[in-house]
């Protein structure tokens, strides 16, 4: 059975339609609540609730001394809320990690296309700090792991990919390296940087798959 659409949800759709049809662009100041109330023929209470929902989804934001401004929505907001809830079951966690594997393998061509000497040095710096960290300091190693992969997403130059990686940071921290990660790891961050510097996108894809697979196995064992 289809879910019944509430008045607030209908109003949100009407607001978005009005904004689009009126030609508003990102950064433009939108009408006030009372104006929207008159335009759409609904109470200010409903308008306020509808605008609140659009604000949460990232369609609008309130600027000091300006008012309500049209912004670009965060398409991953809903996923982030679910991830941060701590209510995901193991199958959902595995599915999200598989998505991460697909993304990091798939963005190899973009990383090679957009890498710079500066970005390589940034990765090498992270690797050096990681290698100098005691293997028992799992918290610091997890943070360095996030930093390394965040840098790869940044190199790709794709803002949507970076947004998705940011919301998965919770998972990266929660399921950090197991205590024997160094012995079990097939491909290290150092090896990935070496391939990125002197190898090919195909070699990088293969190496990334092996690198992430160990973590995926750890995830399964954690709930096995």
N, C-alpha and C. Protein backbone atom coordinates (compact mmCIF):
# COMPACT_ATOMS: atom_id res chain seq x y z
N UNK A 1 0.85 -1.19 0.00
CA UNK A 1 0.00 0.00 0.00
C UNK A 1 0.89 1.25 0.00
N UNK A 2 0.57 2.21 -0.85
CA UNK A 2 1.36 3.43 -0.94
C UNK A 2 1.21 4.27 0.31
N UNK A 3 2.30 4.87 0.73
CA UNK A 3 2.25 5.75 1.89
C UNK A 3 1.51 7.03 1.54
N UNK A 4 0.62 7.44 2.42
CA UNK A 4 -0.14 8.66 2.19
C UNK A 4 0.77 9.87 2.36
N UNK A 5 0.76 10.75 1.38
CA UNK A 5 1.59 11.94 1.43
C UNK A 5 0.94 12.98 2.33
N UNK A 6 1.70 13.49 3.27
CA UNK A 6 1.17 14.48 4.21
C UNK A 6 1.09 15.85 3.56
N UNK A 7 0.36 16.75 4.19
CA UNK A 7 0.24 18.12 3.69
C UNK A 7 1.61 18.80 3.65
N UNK A 8 2.43 18.52 4.66
CA UNK A 8 3.77 19.12 4.69
C UNK A 8 4.61 18.64 3.51
N UNK A 9 4.53 17.34 3.21
CA UNK A 9 5.29 16.79 2.08
C UNK A 9 4.80 17.36 0.75
N UNK A 10 3.47 17.49 0.62
CA UNK A 10 2.91 18.10 -0.60
C UNK A 10 3.39 19.54 -0.75
N UNK A 11 3.44 20.24 0.39
CA UNK A 11 3.88 21.64 0.38
C UNK A 11 5.36 21.74 0.00
N UNK A 12 6.17 20.78 0.49
CA UNK A 12 7.58 20.76 0.10
C UNK A 12 7.72 20.63 -1.41
N UNK A 13 6.94 19.74 -2.01
CA UNK A 13 6.99 19.55 -3.45
C UNK A 13 6.55 20.81 -4.19
N UNK A 14 5.50 21.45 -3.67
CA UNK A 14 5.02 22.69 -4.29
C UNK A 14 6.05 23.81 -4.17
N UNK A 15 6.73 23.87 -3.03
CA UNK A 15 7.78 24.88 -2.83
C UNK A 15 8.90 24.68 -3.86
N UNK A 16 9.33 23.44 -4.03
CA UNK A 16 10.42 23.15 -4.97
C UNK A 16 9.98 23.48 -6.40
N UNK A 17 8.73 23.15 -6.73
CA UNK A 17 8.22 23.45 -8.07
C UNK A 17 8.17 24.96 -8.29
N UNK A 18 7.70 25.70 -7.29
CA UNK A 18 7.62 27.16 -7.40
C UNK A 18 9.02 27.76 -7.57
N UNK A 19 9.97 27.28 -6.77
CA UNK A 19 11.34 27.79 -6.83
C UNK A 19 11.95 27.55 -8.21
N UNK A 20 11.70 26.35 -8.76
CA UNK A 20 12.22 26.01 -10.09
C UNK A 20 11.56 26.85 -11.18
N UNK A 21 10.23 26.88 -11.13
CA UNK A 21 9.49 27.62 -12.16
C UNK A 21 9.78 29.12 -12.12
N UNK A 22 10.12 29.63 -10.94
CA UNK A 22 10.39 31.07 -10.79
C UNK A 22 11.81 31.44 -11.19
N UNK A 23 12.62 30.44 -11.50
CA UNK A 23 13.97 30.71 -11.99
C UNK A 23 14.99 31.06 -10.94
N UNK A 24 14.73 30.70 -9.69
CA UNK A 24 15.71 30.98 -8.64
C UNK A 24 16.99 30.16 -8.88
N UNK A 25 18.14 30.77 -8.60
CA UNK A 25 19.43 30.10 -8.75
C UNK A 25 20.09 29.92 -7.38
N UNK A 26 21.09 29.05 -7.34
CA UNK A 26 21.80 28.81 -6.08
C UNK A 26 22.34 30.13 -5.54
N UNK A 27 22.08 30.37 -4.26
CA UNK A 27 22.55 31.60 -3.63
C UNK A 27 21.49 32.69 -3.58
N UNK A 28 20.41 32.51 -4.35
CA UNK A 28 19.34 33.53 -4.35
C UNK A 28 18.55 33.47 -3.03
N UNK A 29 18.09 34.63 -2.60
CA UNK A 29 17.26 34.73 -1.40
C UNK A 29 15.82 34.41 -1.77
N UNK A 30 15.18 33.52 -1.01
CA UNK A 30 13.81 33.10 -1.28
C UNK A 30 12.80 33.96 -0.51
N UNK A 31 11.53 33.90 -0.90
CA UNK A 31 10.48 34.66 -0.19
C UNK A 31 10.40 34.25 1.28
N UNK A 32 9.81 35.12 2.08
CA UNK A 32 9.64 34.82 3.50
C UNK A 32 8.46 33.88 3.71
N UNK A 33 8.33 33.37 4.93
CA UNK A 33 7.28 32.40 5.24
C UNK A 33 5.89 32.93 4.90
N UNK A 34 5.63 34.17 5.29
CA UNK A 34 4.28 34.73 5.05
C UNK A 34 4.00 34.90 3.57
N UNK A 35 5.05 35.18 2.78
CA UNK A 35 4.88 35.30 1.33
C UNK A 35 4.56 33.95 0.72
N UNK A 36 5.32 32.92 1.13
CA UNK A 36 5.05 31.57 0.64
C UNK A 36 3.65 31.12 1.04
N UNK A 37 3.22 31.51 2.24
CA UNK A 37 1.89 31.15 2.72
C UNK A 37 0.81 31.69 1.79
N UNK A 38 0.99 32.93 1.36
CA UNK A 38 0.03 33.55 0.45
C UNK A 38 0.11 32.95 -0.95
N UNK A 39 1.33 32.68 -1.40
CA UNK A 39 1.54 32.13 -2.75
C UNK A 39 0.92 30.75 -2.89
N UNK A 40 1.13 29.89 -1.88
CA UNK A 40 0.67 28.49 -1.96
C UNK A 40 -0.68 28.26 -1.31
N UNK A 41 -1.18 29.24 -0.57
CA UNK A 41 -2.49 29.11 0.04
C UNK A 41 -2.56 28.14 1.19
N UNK A 42 -1.49 28.04 1.97
CA UNK A 42 -1.48 27.19 3.17
C UNK A 42 -1.00 28.03 4.35
N UNK A 43 -1.21 27.51 5.55
CA UNK A 43 -0.85 28.27 6.75
C UNK A 43 0.66 28.42 6.90
N UNK A 44 1.07 29.41 7.67
CA UNK A 44 2.50 29.62 7.92
C UNK A 44 3.10 28.46 8.70
N UNK A 45 2.28 27.79 9.52
CA UNK A 45 2.77 26.64 10.28
C UNK A 45 3.21 25.53 9.32
N UNK A 46 2.38 25.27 8.32
CA UNK A 46 2.71 24.24 7.32
C UNK A 46 3.94 24.66 6.51
N UNK A 47 3.99 25.93 6.13
CA UNK A 47 5.14 26.45 5.38
C UNK A 47 6.41 26.29 6.20
N UNK A 48 6.32 26.61 7.50
CA UNK A 48 7.48 26.51 8.38
C UNK A 48 7.98 25.07 8.47
N UNK A 49 7.05 24.12 8.59
CA UNK A 49 7.42 22.71 8.66
C UNK A 49 8.03 22.24 7.34
N UNK A 50 7.45 22.69 6.24
CA UNK A 50 7.94 22.29 4.92
C UNK A 50 9.35 22.84 4.68
N UNK A 51 9.54 24.10 5.03
CA UNK A 51 10.86 24.71 4.88
C UNK A 51 11.89 24.04 5.79
N UNK A 52 11.46 23.65 6.98
CA UNK A 52 12.35 22.95 7.90
C UNK A 52 12.85 21.64 7.29
N UNK A 53 11.93 20.93 6.64
CA UNK A 53 12.32 19.68 5.98
C UNK A 53 13.28 19.92 4.83
N UNK A 54 13.04 20.94 4.04
CA UNK A 54 13.93 21.28 2.93
C UNK A 54 15.30 21.72 3.45
N UNK A 55 15.29 22.39 4.60
CA UNK A 55 16.56 22.82 5.21
C UNK A 55 17.38 21.60 5.65
N UNK A 56 16.71 20.63 6.24
CA UNK A 56 17.39 19.41 6.68
C UNK A 56 17.99 18.65 5.49
N UNK A 57 17.26 18.63 4.39
CA UNK A 57 17.74 17.92 3.19
C UNK A 57 18.80 18.71 2.44
N UNK A 58 19.03 19.96 2.85
CA UNK A 58 20.09 20.75 2.23
C UNK A 58 19.67 21.58 1.04
N UNK A 59 18.35 21.68 0.78
CA UNK A 59 17.89 22.50 -0.34
C UNK A 59 18.01 23.99 -0.04
N UNK A 60 17.86 24.34 1.22
CA UNK A 60 17.93 25.74 1.63
C UNK A 60 18.73 25.88 2.91
N UNK A 61 19.18 27.07 3.20
CA UNK A 61 19.82 27.35 4.48
C UNK A 61 19.55 28.81 4.86
N UNK A 62 19.64 29.07 6.14
CA UNK A 62 19.37 30.42 6.63
C UNK A 62 20.67 31.19 6.79
N UNK A 63 20.77 32.32 6.10
CA UNK A 63 21.95 33.16 6.17
C UNK A 63 21.66 34.39 7.02
N UNK A 64 22.57 34.69 7.93
CA UNK A 64 22.39 35.86 8.78
C UNK A 64 22.32 37.13 7.94
N UNK A 65 21.34 37.96 8.23
CA UNK A 65 21.11 39.25 7.57
C UNK A 65 20.64 39.10 6.13
N UNK A 66 20.47 37.85 5.66
CA UNK A 66 19.98 37.66 4.28
C UNK A 66 18.63 36.97 4.25
N UNK A 67 18.49 35.93 5.06
CA UNK A 67 17.25 35.18 5.06
C UNK A 67 17.46 33.77 4.54
N UNK A 68 16.42 33.19 3.94
CA UNK A 68 16.47 31.83 3.42
C UNK A 68 17.07 31.83 2.02
N UNK A 69 18.14 31.04 1.85
CA UNK A 69 18.90 31.04 0.60
C UNK A 69 18.83 29.65 -0.04
N UNK A 70 18.71 29.62 -1.36
CA UNK A 70 18.69 28.36 -2.10
C UNK A 70 20.10 27.78 -2.18
N UNK A 71 20.24 26.50 -1.80
CA UNK A 71 21.55 25.84 -1.82
C UNK A 71 21.45 24.51 -2.56
N UNK A 72 22.60 23.89 -2.76
CA UNK A 72 22.64 22.59 -3.43
C UNK A 72 22.44 21.48 -2.40
N UNK A 73 21.46 20.59 -2.60
CA UNK A 73 21.15 19.57 -1.58
C UNK A 73 22.24 18.52 -1.44
N UNK A 74 22.35 17.97 -0.24
CA UNK A 74 23.26 16.87 0.04
C UNK A 74 22.52 15.57 -0.21
N UNK A 75 22.80 14.91 -1.34
CA UNK A 75 22.05 13.72 -1.72
C UNK A 75 22.27 12.55 -0.78
N UNK A 76 23.32 12.63 0.06
CA UNK A 76 23.62 11.53 0.96
C UNK A 76 23.15 11.78 2.39
N UNK A 77 22.37 12.84 2.58
CA UNK A 77 21.97 13.16 3.95
C UNK A 77 21.23 12.01 4.61
N UNK A 78 20.27 11.43 3.89
CA UNK A 78 19.49 10.34 4.46
C UNK A 78 20.34 9.15 4.81
N UNK A 79 21.29 8.82 3.94
CA UNK A 79 22.18 7.69 4.20
C UNK A 79 23.05 7.98 5.42
N UNK A 80 23.52 9.21 5.53
CA UNK A 80 24.36 9.58 6.68
C UNK A 80 23.60 9.42 7.98
N UNK A 81 22.34 9.84 7.98
CA UNK A 81 21.53 9.71 9.18
C UNK A 81 21.40 8.25 9.60
N UNK A 82 21.19 7.37 8.62
CA UNK A 82 21.05 5.94 8.90
C UNK A 82 22.37 5.36 9.41
N UNK A 83 23.48 5.71 8.76
CA UNK A 83 24.79 5.20 9.16
C UNK A 83 25.11 5.61 10.59
N UNK A 84 24.86 6.88 10.92
CA UNK A 84 25.20 7.40 12.24
C UNK A 84 24.24 6.93 13.34
N UNK A 85 23.14 6.31 12.95
CA UNK A 85 22.16 5.85 13.94
C UNK A 85 22.65 4.67 14.76
N UNK A 86 23.61 3.91 14.18
CA UNK A 86 24.10 2.72 14.86
C UNK A 86 23.12 1.56 14.82
N UNK A 87 22.10 1.64 13.95
CA UNK A 87 21.05 0.63 13.90
C UNK A 87 21.17 -0.31 12.70
N UNK A 88 22.26 -0.22 11.96
CA UNK A 88 22.42 -1.06 10.78
C UNK A 88 22.77 -2.50 11.19
N UNK A 89 22.18 -3.48 10.50
CA UNK A 89 22.55 -4.87 10.77
C UNK A 89 23.78 -5.22 9.96
N UNK A 90 24.32 -6.41 10.18
CA UNK A 90 25.59 -6.80 9.56
C UNK A 90 25.49 -6.85 8.04
N UNK A 91 24.34 -7.29 7.51
CA UNK A 91 24.20 -7.36 6.06
C UNK A 91 24.22 -5.97 5.44
N UNK A 92 23.58 -5.01 6.11
CA UNK A 92 23.59 -3.63 5.60
C UNK A 92 24.99 -3.03 5.66
N UNK A 93 25.73 -3.34 6.74
CA UNK A 93 27.10 -2.86 6.88
C UNK A 93 27.98 -3.44 5.76
N UNK A 94 27.80 -4.73 5.49
CA UNK A 94 28.58 -5.36 4.43
C UNK A 94 28.24 -4.74 3.07
N UNK A 95 26.94 -4.46 2.86
CA UNK A 95 26.53 -3.85 1.60
C UNK A 95 27.20 -2.49 1.41
N UNK A 96 27.23 -1.68 2.49
CA UNK A 96 27.87 -0.37 2.40
C UNK A 96 29.36 -0.49 2.13
N UNK A 97 29.98 -1.49 2.78
CA UNK A 97 31.43 -1.66 2.57
C UNK A 97 31.70 -2.13 1.14
N UNK A 98 30.81 -2.95 0.59
CA UNK A 98 30.96 -3.37 -0.80
C UNK A 98 30.86 -2.17 -1.74
N UNK A 99 29.96 -1.23 -1.41
CA UNK A 99 29.85 0.00 -2.21
C UNK A 99 31.16 0.77 -2.15
N UNK A 100 31.76 0.82 -0.96
CA UNK A 100 33.05 1.50 -0.82
C UNK A 100 34.10 0.85 -1.71
N UNK A 101 34.14 -0.49 -1.71
CA UNK A 101 35.11 -1.21 -2.54
C UNK A 101 34.90 -0.88 -4.01
N UNK A 102 33.64 -0.89 -4.45
CA UNK A 102 33.34 -0.56 -5.84
C UNK A 102 33.83 0.83 -6.21
N UNK A 103 33.57 1.80 -5.32
CA UNK A 103 33.95 3.18 -5.60
C UNK A 103 35.46 3.35 -5.67
N UNK A 104 36.17 2.78 -4.70
CA UNK A 104 37.61 3.01 -4.64
C UNK A 104 38.36 2.26 -5.74
N UNK A 105 37.78 1.16 -6.21
CA UNK A 105 38.37 0.47 -7.36
C UNK A 105 38.02 1.24 -8.63
N UNK A 106 36.78 1.69 -8.71
CA UNK A 106 36.31 2.35 -9.92
C UNK A 106 36.90 3.72 -10.18
N UNK A 107 37.38 4.41 -9.14
CA UNK A 107 37.88 5.77 -9.35
C UNK A 107 39.37 5.82 -9.70
N UNK A 108 39.96 4.66 -9.96
CA UNK A 108 41.40 4.59 -10.26
C UNK A 108 41.79 5.48 -11.44
N UNK A 109 41.00 5.43 -12.52
CA UNK A 109 41.33 6.22 -13.71
C UNK A 109 41.34 7.72 -13.39
N UNK A 110 40.38 8.17 -12.58
CA UNK A 110 40.31 9.59 -12.23
C UNK A 110 41.48 9.99 -11.33
N UNK A 111 41.87 9.11 -10.44
CA UNK A 111 43.01 9.39 -9.56
C UNK A 111 44.29 9.54 -10.37
N UNK A 112 44.50 8.64 -11.32
CA UNK A 112 45.71 8.73 -12.16
C UNK A 112 45.67 9.96 -13.05
N UNK A 113 44.49 10.33 -13.51
CA UNK A 113 44.35 11.48 -14.39
C UNK A 113 44.63 12.79 -13.66
N UNK A 114 44.25 12.84 -12.36
CA UNK A 114 44.29 14.10 -11.62
C UNK A 114 45.34 14.15 -10.52
N UNK A 115 46.16 13.12 -10.41
CA UNK A 115 47.20 13.12 -9.38
C UNK A 115 48.25 14.19 -9.68
N UNK A 116 48.86 14.71 -8.65
CA UNK A 116 49.93 15.68 -8.78
C UNK A 116 51.08 15.27 -7.87
N UNK A 117 52.23 15.87 -8.05
CA UNK A 117 53.36 15.58 -7.18
C UNK A 117 53.04 15.95 -5.74
N UNK A 118 52.28 17.02 -5.58
CA UNK A 118 51.89 17.47 -4.25
C UNK A 118 50.98 16.44 -3.56
N UNK A 119 50.04 15.87 -4.32
CA UNK A 119 49.14 14.88 -3.73
C UNK A 119 49.87 13.59 -3.39
N UNK A 120 50.86 13.21 -4.20
CA UNK A 120 51.67 12.03 -3.90
C UNK A 120 52.45 12.24 -2.61
N UNK A 121 53.02 13.43 -2.46
CA UNK A 121 53.77 13.75 -1.24
C UNK A 121 52.87 13.72 -0.01
N UNK A 122 51.63 14.16 -0.19
CA UNK A 122 50.66 14.14 0.91
C UNK A 122 50.38 12.71 1.36
N UNK A 123 50.23 11.81 0.40
CA UNK A 123 50.01 10.39 0.72
C UNK A 123 51.24 9.78 1.38
N UNK A 124 52.41 10.13 0.88
CA UNK A 124 53.65 9.59 1.45
C UNK A 124 53.83 10.04 2.90
N UNK A 125 53.45 11.26 3.19
CA UNK A 125 53.54 11.78 4.56
C UNK A 125 52.65 10.97 5.50
N UNK A 126 51.46 10.64 5.04
CA UNK A 126 50.55 9.82 5.85
C UNK A 126 51.13 8.44 6.09
N UNK A 127 51.70 7.86 5.04
CA UNK A 127 52.31 6.53 5.15
C UNK A 127 53.46 6.53 6.15
N UNK A 128 54.30 7.56 6.09
CA UNK A 128 55.43 7.65 7.02
C UNK A 128 54.95 7.74 8.47
N UNK A 129 53.91 8.52 8.69
CA UNK A 129 53.37 8.64 10.05
C UNK A 129 52.75 7.31 10.50
N UNK A 130 52.10 6.64 9.58
CA UNK A 130 51.49 5.35 9.88
C UNK A 130 52.55 4.32 10.26
N UNK A 131 53.64 4.30 9.51
CA UNK A 131 54.70 3.32 9.78
C UNK A 131 55.42 3.60 11.08
N UNK A 132 55.37 4.86 11.54
CA UNK A 132 56.03 5.22 12.80
C UNK A 132 55.11 5.01 14.00
N UNK A 133 53.85 4.64 13.75
CA UNK A 133 52.87 4.46 14.82
C UNK A 133 52.88 3.02 15.32
N UNK A 134 52.83 2.87 16.63
CA UNK A 134 52.78 1.53 17.23
C UNK A 134 51.53 0.79 16.77
N UNK A 135 51.68 -0.48 16.41
CA UNK A 135 50.55 -1.25 15.89
C UNK A 135 49.44 -1.45 16.92
N UNK A 136 49.73 -1.21 18.18
CA UNK A 136 48.70 -1.35 19.21
C UNK A 136 47.83 -0.10 19.33
N UNK A 137 48.27 0.98 18.71
CA UNK A 137 47.51 2.24 18.76
C UNK A 137 46.47 2.22 17.64
N UNK A 138 45.42 1.42 17.82
CA UNK A 138 44.42 1.22 16.78
C UNK A 138 43.64 2.49 16.47
N UNK A 139 43.44 3.33 17.47
CA UNK A 139 42.69 4.57 17.25
C UNK A 139 43.43 5.51 16.29
N UNK A 140 44.72 5.67 16.51
CA UNK A 140 45.49 6.55 15.63
C UNK A 140 45.60 5.96 14.23
N UNK A 141 45.79 4.64 14.16
CA UNK A 141 45.88 3.98 12.86
C UNK A 141 44.58 4.13 12.08
N UNK A 142 43.46 4.06 12.78
CA UNK A 142 42.17 4.24 12.12
C UNK A 142 42.04 5.66 11.55
N UNK A 143 42.49 6.66 12.31
CA UNK A 143 42.44 8.05 11.85
C UNK A 143 43.34 8.26 10.63
N UNK A 144 44.51 7.64 10.65
CA UNK A 144 45.42 7.75 9.51
C UNK A 144 44.86 7.03 8.29
N UNK A 145 44.15 5.93 8.53
CA UNK A 145 43.51 5.22 7.44
C UNK A 145 42.46 6.10 6.77
N UNK A 146 41.66 6.77 7.58
CA UNK A 146 40.66 7.69 7.05
C UNK A 146 41.34 8.81 6.26
N UNK A 147 42.41 9.33 6.82
CA UNK A 147 43.13 10.43 6.17
C UNK A 147 43.69 10.00 4.82
N UNK A 148 44.22 8.78 4.75
CA UNK A 148 44.79 8.27 3.50
C UNK A 148 43.71 8.14 2.42
N UNK A 149 42.61 7.49 2.77
CA UNK A 149 41.56 7.26 1.77
C UNK A 149 40.81 8.55 1.44
N UNK A 150 40.69 9.45 2.41
CA UNK A 150 40.09 10.75 2.13
C UNK A 150 40.91 11.51 1.10
N UNK A 151 42.23 11.39 1.20
CA UNK A 151 43.12 12.05 0.24
C UNK A 151 42.93 11.47 -1.16
N UNK A 152 42.74 10.15 -1.25
CA UNK A 152 42.49 9.53 -2.56
C UNK A 152 41.21 10.08 -3.17
N UNK A 153 40.15 10.18 -2.36
CA UNK A 153 38.89 10.73 -2.86
C UNK A 153 39.08 12.18 -3.29
N UNK A 154 39.89 12.92 -2.54
CA UNK A 154 40.15 14.32 -2.90
C UNK A 154 40.88 14.41 -4.23
N UNK A 155 41.83 13.50 -4.45
CA UNK A 155 42.58 13.48 -5.71
C UNK A 155 41.64 13.21 -6.88
N UNK A 156 40.64 12.37 -6.67
CA UNK A 156 39.70 12.02 -7.75
C UNK A 156 38.99 13.26 -8.29
N UNK A 157 38.85 14.29 -7.43
CA UNK A 157 38.24 15.53 -7.87
C UNK A 157 36.73 15.50 -7.95
N UNK A 158 36.12 14.40 -7.47
CA UNK A 158 34.67 14.27 -7.54
C UNK A 158 34.05 14.59 -6.19
N UNK A 159 33.30 15.68 -6.12
CA UNK A 159 32.72 16.13 -4.86
C UNK A 159 31.69 15.15 -4.31
N UNK A 160 30.95 14.49 -5.19
CA UNK A 160 29.94 13.53 -4.74
C UNK A 160 30.59 12.33 -4.09
N UNK A 161 31.68 11.85 -4.68
CA UNK A 161 32.42 10.73 -4.09
C UNK A 161 32.96 11.11 -2.72
N UNK A 162 33.46 12.32 -2.60
CA UNK A 162 34.01 12.78 -1.32
C UNK A 162 32.91 12.86 -0.27
N UNK A 163 31.73 13.30 -0.67
CA UNK A 163 30.61 13.38 0.26
C UNK A 163 30.23 11.99 0.76
N UNK A 164 30.23 11.02 -0.14
CA UNK A 164 29.89 9.66 0.24
C UNK A 164 30.94 9.08 1.18
N UNK A 165 32.20 9.36 0.89
CA UNK A 165 33.28 8.86 1.75
C UNK A 165 33.19 9.47 3.14
N UNK A 166 32.83 10.73 3.21
CA UNK A 166 32.71 11.39 4.51
C UNK A 166 31.65 10.74 5.39
N UNK A 167 30.54 10.34 4.80
CA UNK A 167 29.49 9.74 5.61
C UNK A 167 29.86 8.34 6.06
N UNK A 168 30.79 7.70 5.35
CA UNK A 168 31.21 6.36 5.75
C UNK A 168 32.34 6.38 6.77
N UNK A 169 32.82 7.57 7.12
CA UNK A 169 33.90 7.65 8.10
C UNK A 169 33.54 6.95 9.41
N UNK A 170 32.26 6.99 9.77
CA UNK A 170 31.81 6.31 10.99
C UNK A 170 32.14 4.83 10.93
N UNK A 171 31.92 4.23 9.77
CA UNK A 171 32.21 2.80 9.62
C UNK A 171 33.71 2.56 9.66
N UNK A 172 34.50 3.45 9.04
CA UNK A 172 35.94 3.27 9.02
C UNK A 172 36.50 3.25 10.44
N UNK A 173 35.96 4.10 11.31
CA UNK A 173 36.45 4.17 12.68
C UNK A 173 35.98 2.96 13.49
N UNK A 174 34.71 2.62 13.34
CA UNK A 174 34.14 1.52 14.12
C UNK A 174 34.81 0.20 13.82
N UNK A 175 35.06 -0.04 12.54
CA UNK A 175 35.67 -1.31 12.16
C UNK A 175 37.11 -1.07 11.71
N UNK A 176 37.91 -0.64 12.67
CA UNK A 176 39.31 -0.33 12.38
C UNK A 176 40.11 -1.62 12.27
N UNK A 177 41.37 -1.47 12.02
CA UNK A 177 42.22 -2.63 11.81
C UNK A 177 42.20 -3.58 13.01
N UNK A 178 42.24 -4.87 12.71
CA UNK A 178 42.39 -5.85 13.78
C UNK A 178 43.84 -5.80 14.27
N UNK A 179 44.11 -6.38 15.41
CA UNK A 179 45.43 -6.26 16.02
C UNK A 179 46.54 -6.85 15.16
N UNK A 180 46.21 -7.86 14.34
CA UNK A 180 47.24 -8.48 13.51
C UNK A 180 47.16 -8.02 12.06
N UNK A 181 46.68 -6.79 11.86
CA UNK A 181 46.45 -6.30 10.51
C UNK A 181 47.72 -6.29 9.66
N UNK A 182 48.86 -5.95 10.28
CA UNK A 182 50.09 -5.81 9.50
C UNK A 182 50.56 -7.14 8.93
N UNK A 183 50.35 -8.19 9.71
CA UNK A 183 50.76 -9.52 9.26
C UNK A 183 49.83 -10.03 8.17
N UNK A 184 48.56 -9.71 8.26
CA UNK A 184 47.56 -10.22 7.34
C UNK A 184 47.41 -9.38 6.07
N UNK A 185 47.80 -8.13 6.14
CA UNK A 185 47.57 -7.22 5.02
C UNK A 185 48.41 -7.60 3.80
N UNK A 186 47.74 -7.75 2.66
CA UNK A 186 48.43 -8.13 1.42
C UNK A 186 49.03 -6.90 0.74
N UNK A 187 48.25 -5.85 0.66
CA UNK A 187 48.70 -4.60 0.03
C UNK A 187 48.58 -3.47 1.05
N UNK A 188 49.69 -2.80 1.33
CA UNK A 188 49.71 -1.71 2.31
C UNK A 188 49.44 -0.37 1.62
N UNK A 189 49.28 0.67 2.42
CA UNK A 189 49.16 2.02 1.88
C UNK A 189 50.42 2.41 1.13
N UNK A 190 51.56 1.99 1.65
CA UNK A 190 52.84 2.30 1.00
C UNK A 190 52.88 1.69 -0.39
N UNK A 191 52.39 0.45 -0.52
CA UNK A 191 52.37 -0.21 -1.82
C UNK A 191 51.43 0.51 -2.79
N UNK A 192 50.31 0.99 -2.28
CA UNK A 192 49.37 1.73 -3.12
C UNK A 192 49.99 3.01 -3.65
N UNK A 193 50.74 3.70 -2.79
CA UNK A 193 51.40 4.94 -3.23
C UNK A 193 52.46 4.63 -4.28
N UNK A 194 53.19 3.54 -4.11
CA UNK A 194 54.21 3.14 -5.08
C UNK A 194 53.57 2.87 -6.44
N UNK A 195 52.45 2.16 -6.45
CA UNK A 195 51.76 1.87 -7.70
C UNK A 195 51.20 3.15 -8.31
N UNK A 196 50.68 4.03 -7.48
CA UNK A 196 50.13 5.29 -7.96
C UNK A 196 51.23 6.15 -8.59
N UNK A 197 52.44 6.02 -8.08
CA UNK A 197 53.57 6.81 -8.58
C UNK A 197 54.16 6.23 -9.86
N UNK A 198 54.28 4.90 -9.89
CA UNK A 198 55.01 4.28 -11.01
C UNK A 198 54.20 3.25 -11.79
N UNK A 199 53.00 2.93 -11.36
CA UNK A 199 52.21 1.88 -11.99
C UNK A 199 51.14 2.40 -12.93
N UNK A 200 50.09 1.58 -13.09
CA UNK A 200 49.00 1.89 -14.01
C UNK A 200 47.66 1.84 -13.28
N UNK A 201 46.62 2.41 -13.89
CA UNK A 201 45.29 2.32 -13.26
C UNK A 201 44.84 0.88 -13.03
N UNK A 202 45.14 -0.01 -13.98
CA UNK A 202 44.75 -1.42 -13.83
C UNK A 202 45.44 -2.05 -12.63
N UNK A 203 46.72 -1.77 -12.47
CA UNK A 203 47.47 -2.31 -11.33
C UNK A 203 46.94 -1.74 -10.03
N UNK A 204 46.57 -0.48 -10.06
CA UNK A 204 46.05 0.17 -8.86
C UNK A 204 44.70 -0.43 -8.46
N UNK A 205 43.85 -0.70 -9.46
CA UNK A 205 42.56 -1.31 -9.18
C UNK A 205 42.72 -2.67 -8.49
N UNK A 206 43.62 -3.49 -9.02
CA UNK A 206 43.86 -4.81 -8.44
C UNK A 206 44.39 -4.69 -7.02
N UNK A 207 45.34 -3.77 -6.82
CA UNK A 207 45.94 -3.58 -5.50
C UNK A 207 44.91 -3.08 -4.49
N UNK A 208 44.05 -2.16 -4.93
CA UNK A 208 43.03 -1.62 -4.03
C UNK A 208 42.04 -2.70 -3.61
N UNK A 209 41.69 -3.57 -4.53
CA UNK A 209 40.78 -4.66 -4.20
C UNK A 209 41.39 -5.54 -3.10
N UNK A 210 42.66 -5.88 -3.26
CA UNK A 210 43.34 -6.71 -2.26
C UNK A 210 43.48 -5.98 -0.93
N UNK A 211 43.76 -4.69 -1.00
CA UNK A 211 43.93 -3.87 0.21
C UNK A 211 42.64 -3.84 1.03
N UNK A 212 41.52 -3.60 0.36
CA UNK A 212 40.25 -3.47 1.06
C UNK A 212 39.65 -4.81 1.44
N UNK A 213 40.04 -5.88 0.77
CA UNK A 213 39.45 -7.18 1.04
C UNK A 213 39.76 -7.67 2.45
N UNK A 214 40.97 -7.37 2.94
CA UNK A 214 41.33 -7.79 4.30
C UNK A 214 40.40 -7.15 5.31
N UNK A 215 40.09 -5.89 5.13
CA UNK A 215 39.18 -5.19 6.04
C UNK A 215 37.77 -5.75 5.94
N UNK A 216 37.38 -6.12 4.73
CA UNK A 216 36.05 -6.69 4.53
C UNK A 216 35.94 -8.03 5.26
N UNK A 217 37.01 -8.82 5.21
CA UNK A 217 37.03 -10.09 5.93
C UNK A 217 36.95 -9.86 7.43
N UNK A 218 37.63 -8.83 7.93
CA UNK A 218 37.58 -8.51 9.36
C UNK A 218 36.16 -8.15 9.79
N UNK A 219 35.45 -7.44 8.90
CA UNK A 219 34.07 -7.05 9.19
C UNK A 219 33.20 -8.29 9.37
N UNK A 220 33.40 -9.28 8.48
CA UNK A 220 32.63 -10.50 8.57
C UNK A 220 32.93 -11.28 9.83
N UNK A 221 34.21 -11.33 10.21
CA UNK A 221 34.61 -12.08 11.40
C UNK A 221 34.10 -11.41 12.68
N UNK A 222 33.99 -10.08 12.63
CA UNK A 222 33.54 -9.34 13.81
C UNK A 222 32.14 -9.77 14.23
N UNK A 223 31.32 -10.11 13.21
CA UNK A 223 29.94 -10.52 13.49
C UNK A 223 29.71 -11.99 13.17
N UNK A 224 30.80 -12.71 12.89
CA UNK A 224 30.66 -14.10 12.50
C UNK A 224 30.30 -15.03 13.65
